N, C-alpha and C. Protein backbone atom coordinates (compact mmCIF):
# COMPACT_ATOMS: atom_id res chain seq x y z
N MET A 1 0.65 -0.25 9.94
CA MET A 1 1.58 0.84 10.02
C MET A 1 1.08 2.05 9.23
N ALA A 2 0.38 1.79 8.13
CA ALA A 2 -0.09 2.91 7.31
C ALA A 2 -1.05 3.81 8.08
N HIS A 3 -1.82 3.22 8.99
CA HIS A 3 -2.80 4.02 9.72
C HIS A 3 -2.15 5.03 10.67
N ILE A 4 -0.86 4.85 10.97
CA ILE A 4 -0.16 5.85 11.79
C ILE A 4 0.81 6.67 10.94
N GLY A 5 0.65 6.57 9.61
CA GLY A 5 1.45 7.40 8.71
C GLY A 5 2.79 6.83 8.32
N HIS A 6 2.98 5.52 8.54
CA HIS A 6 4.25 4.88 8.20
C HIS A 6 3.99 3.61 7.38
N PRO A 7 3.56 3.75 6.13
CA PRO A 7 3.29 2.55 5.33
C PRO A 7 4.58 1.78 5.05
N LEU A 8 4.45 0.50 4.84
CA LEU A 8 5.60 -0.35 4.55
C LEU A 8 6.06 -0.14 3.12
N VAL A 9 7.35 -0.17 2.92
CA VAL A 9 7.88 -0.14 1.56
C VAL A 9 7.35 -1.37 0.83
N GLY A 10 6.84 -1.18 -0.37
CA GLY A 10 6.37 -2.29 -1.19
C GLY A 10 4.97 -2.77 -0.89
N ASP A 11 4.23 -2.12 0.00
CA ASP A 11 2.87 -2.54 0.33
C ASP A 11 1.92 -2.09 -0.77
N PRO A 12 1.36 -3.04 -1.56
CA PRO A 12 0.50 -2.66 -2.67
C PRO A 12 -0.89 -2.18 -2.25
N VAL A 13 -1.31 -2.48 -1.02
CA VAL A 13 -2.65 -2.11 -0.58
C VAL A 13 -2.64 -0.78 0.16
N TYR A 14 -1.82 -0.65 1.17
CA TYR A 14 -1.85 0.54 2.02
C TYR A 14 -0.71 1.52 1.75
N GLY A 15 0.32 1.08 1.08
CA GLY A 15 1.43 1.98 0.76
C GLY A 15 1.15 2.70 -0.53
N LYS A 16 0.94 3.99 -0.46
CA LYS A 16 0.64 4.75 -1.66
C LYS A 16 1.88 4.84 -2.52
N ARG A 17 1.71 4.60 -3.80
CA ARG A 17 2.83 4.69 -4.75
C ARG A 17 3.02 6.14 -5.15
N GLN A 18 3.78 6.85 -4.34
CA GLN A 18 4.13 8.23 -4.63
C GLN A 18 5.33 8.23 -5.57
N PRO A 19 5.44 9.24 -6.43
CA PRO A 19 6.65 9.32 -7.24
C PRO A 19 7.88 9.44 -6.34
N VAL A 20 8.88 8.65 -6.64
CA VAL A 20 10.10 8.65 -5.84
C VAL A 20 11.09 9.60 -6.48
N ASN A 21 11.47 10.64 -5.74
CA ASN A 21 12.41 11.62 -6.26
C ASN A 21 13.39 11.98 -5.16
N PHE A 22 14.56 11.41 -5.24
CA PHE A 22 15.62 11.70 -4.29
C PHE A 22 16.86 12.11 -5.07
N PRO A 23 16.92 13.38 -5.53
CA PRO A 23 18.06 13.79 -6.34
C PRO A 23 19.39 13.64 -5.61
N GLU A 24 19.38 13.73 -4.28
CA GLU A 24 20.63 13.57 -3.53
C GLU A 24 21.02 12.10 -3.37
N SER A 25 20.12 11.18 -3.69
CA SER A 25 20.42 9.76 -3.55
C SER A 25 19.73 8.95 -4.65
N PRO A 26 20.28 8.95 -5.86
CA PRO A 26 19.67 8.16 -6.93
C PRO A 26 19.66 6.66 -6.61
N THR A 27 20.62 6.21 -5.81
CA THR A 27 20.63 4.80 -5.42
C THR A 27 19.40 4.45 -4.61
N LEU A 28 19.01 5.33 -3.68
CA LEU A 28 17.82 5.09 -2.87
C LEU A 28 16.58 5.03 -3.75
N ALA A 29 16.45 5.95 -4.69
CA ALA A 29 15.29 5.94 -5.59
C ALA A 29 15.24 4.62 -6.37
N THR A 30 16.38 4.17 -6.85
CA THR A 30 16.43 2.92 -7.61
C THR A 30 16.02 1.73 -6.74
N VAL A 31 16.55 1.69 -5.52
CA VAL A 31 16.22 0.58 -4.62
C VAL A 31 14.74 0.60 -4.25
N LEU A 32 14.19 1.77 -3.93
CA LEU A 32 12.78 1.87 -3.56
C LEU A 32 11.87 1.46 -4.72
N LEU A 33 12.17 1.94 -5.91
CA LEU A 33 11.34 1.61 -7.07
C LEU A 33 11.45 0.14 -7.45
N GLY A 34 12.60 -0.46 -7.20
CA GLY A 34 12.80 -1.85 -7.57
C GLY A 34 12.42 -2.86 -6.50
N PHE A 35 12.01 -2.38 -5.33
CA PHE A 35 11.66 -3.29 -4.24
C PHE A 35 10.28 -3.86 -4.53
N GLY A 36 10.20 -5.12 -4.92
CA GLY A 36 8.97 -5.70 -5.43
C GLY A 36 8.11 -6.43 -4.43
N ARG A 37 8.32 -6.18 -3.16
CA ARG A 37 7.50 -6.88 -2.15
C ARG A 37 7.44 -6.02 -0.90
N GLN A 38 6.64 -6.47 0.06
CA GLN A 38 6.56 -5.74 1.32
C GLN A 38 7.86 -5.90 2.10
N ALA A 39 8.30 -4.82 2.70
CA ALA A 39 9.54 -4.84 3.47
C ALA A 39 9.25 -5.33 4.89
N LEU A 40 8.91 -6.59 4.99
CA LEU A 40 8.66 -7.23 6.28
C LEU A 40 9.60 -8.43 6.42
N HIS A 41 10.15 -8.60 7.61
CA HIS A 41 11.03 -9.74 7.84
C HIS A 41 10.96 -10.13 9.31
N ALA A 42 10.86 -11.41 9.56
CA ALA A 42 10.93 -11.93 10.92
C ALA A 42 12.29 -12.60 11.08
N ALA A 43 13.16 -12.01 11.86
CA ALA A 43 14.50 -12.57 12.07
C ALA A 43 14.42 -13.86 12.87
N SER A 44 13.47 -13.94 13.79
CA SER A 44 13.29 -15.17 14.55
C SER A 44 11.83 -15.32 14.96
N LEU A 45 11.42 -16.57 15.01
CA LEU A 45 10.06 -16.90 15.44
C LEU A 45 10.13 -18.04 16.44
N GLN A 46 9.26 -17.99 17.43
CA GLN A 46 9.12 -19.08 18.39
C GLN A 46 7.64 -19.40 18.50
N LEU A 47 7.33 -20.69 18.44
CA LEU A 47 5.94 -21.09 18.57
C LEU A 47 5.87 -22.51 19.10
N ALA A 48 4.72 -22.84 19.63
CA ALA A 48 4.51 -24.19 20.16
C ALA A 48 4.17 -25.12 19.00
N HIS A 49 4.80 -26.29 18.99
CA HIS A 49 4.49 -27.28 17.97
C HIS A 49 3.04 -27.73 18.17
N PRO A 50 2.26 -27.86 17.11
CA PRO A 50 0.83 -28.16 17.27
C PRO A 50 0.54 -29.57 17.79
N CYS A 51 1.47 -30.52 17.64
CA CYS A 51 1.20 -31.90 18.07
C CYS A 51 2.11 -32.38 19.20
N ARG A 52 3.33 -31.89 19.21
CA ARG A 52 4.27 -32.32 20.25
C ARG A 52 4.38 -31.23 21.31
N ASP A 53 4.71 -31.62 22.49
CA ASP A 53 4.86 -30.66 23.58
C ASP A 53 6.28 -30.07 23.55
N GLU A 54 6.54 -29.27 22.53
CA GLU A 54 7.85 -28.63 22.43
C GLU A 54 7.72 -27.30 21.72
N GLU A 55 8.69 -26.46 21.99
CA GLU A 55 8.72 -25.14 21.36
C GLU A 55 9.63 -25.19 20.15
N LEU A 56 9.17 -24.61 19.07
CA LEU A 56 9.97 -24.51 17.86
C LEU A 56 10.57 -23.11 17.78
N SER A 57 11.80 -23.06 17.35
CA SER A 57 12.48 -21.78 17.18
C SER A 57 13.14 -21.77 15.81
N VAL A 58 12.87 -20.73 15.04
CA VAL A 58 13.40 -20.62 13.69
C VAL A 58 14.05 -19.25 13.53
N GLN A 59 15.24 -19.24 12.94
CA GLN A 59 15.93 -17.98 12.65
C GLN A 59 16.11 -17.88 11.14
N ALA A 60 16.03 -16.64 10.65
CA ALA A 60 16.21 -16.39 9.22
C ALA A 60 17.06 -15.15 9.03
N PRO A 61 18.11 -15.25 8.23
CA PRO A 61 18.94 -14.07 7.99
C PRO A 61 18.18 -13.04 7.16
N LEU A 62 18.62 -11.82 7.24
CA LEU A 62 18.01 -10.75 6.46
C LEU A 62 18.29 -10.99 4.98
N PRO A 63 17.26 -10.99 4.13
CA PRO A 63 17.48 -11.19 2.70
C PRO A 63 18.32 -10.06 2.10
N ALA A 64 19.03 -10.38 1.03
CA ALA A 64 19.94 -9.42 0.40
C ALA A 64 19.21 -8.17 -0.08
N ASP A 65 17.98 -8.32 -0.62
CA ASP A 65 17.27 -7.14 -1.10
C ASP A 65 16.89 -6.20 0.04
N MET A 66 16.57 -6.77 1.19
CA MET A 66 16.22 -5.93 2.32
C MET A 66 17.46 -5.27 2.92
N GLN A 67 18.59 -5.98 2.91
CA GLN A 67 19.83 -5.37 3.38
C GLN A 67 20.22 -4.21 2.47
N ALA A 68 20.03 -4.37 1.16
CA ALA A 68 20.32 -3.28 0.22
C ALA A 68 19.40 -2.09 0.48
N LEU A 69 18.15 -2.35 0.80
CA LEU A 69 17.20 -1.27 1.12
C LEU A 69 17.65 -0.52 2.37
N ILE A 70 18.02 -1.25 3.41
CA ILE A 70 18.47 -0.62 4.65
C ILE A 70 19.74 0.18 4.42
N SER A 71 20.67 -0.37 3.65
CA SER A 71 21.92 0.34 3.35
C SER A 71 21.65 1.63 2.58
N ALA A 72 20.75 1.56 1.60
CA ALA A 72 20.41 2.75 0.81
C ALA A 72 19.75 3.81 1.69
N LEU A 73 18.88 3.39 2.60
CA LEU A 73 18.25 4.34 3.52
C LEU A 73 19.28 4.96 4.46
N ASP A 74 20.18 4.14 4.99
CA ASP A 74 21.25 4.66 5.86
C ASP A 74 22.12 5.67 5.13
N ASP A 75 22.51 5.34 3.91
CA ASP A 75 23.37 6.24 3.13
C ASP A 75 22.67 7.56 2.81
N ALA A 76 21.35 7.50 2.60
CA ALA A 76 20.60 8.70 2.23
C ALA A 76 20.49 9.70 3.37
N VAL A 77 20.56 9.23 4.61
CA VAL A 77 20.40 10.15 5.75
C VAL A 77 21.73 10.60 6.34
N LYS A 78 22.82 10.16 5.77
CA LYS A 78 24.15 10.56 6.27
C LYS A 78 24.53 11.92 5.75
């Protein structure tokens, strides 16, 4: 994503750590600075089982820290 100008939040390799300054949204600045990992999530995955002839399907809810990040971003653009 960084190569098209959209680095992931929390990416230590390709996401440049720019100073975060959002005077209109201090909550967003706090959430961005405190986000300690890459903002990647797979809500569902499907794959073939390596030994059995069946498809595996796994669902995962959005983690609380990522929901807080999305909420802070939504609030900042309102």
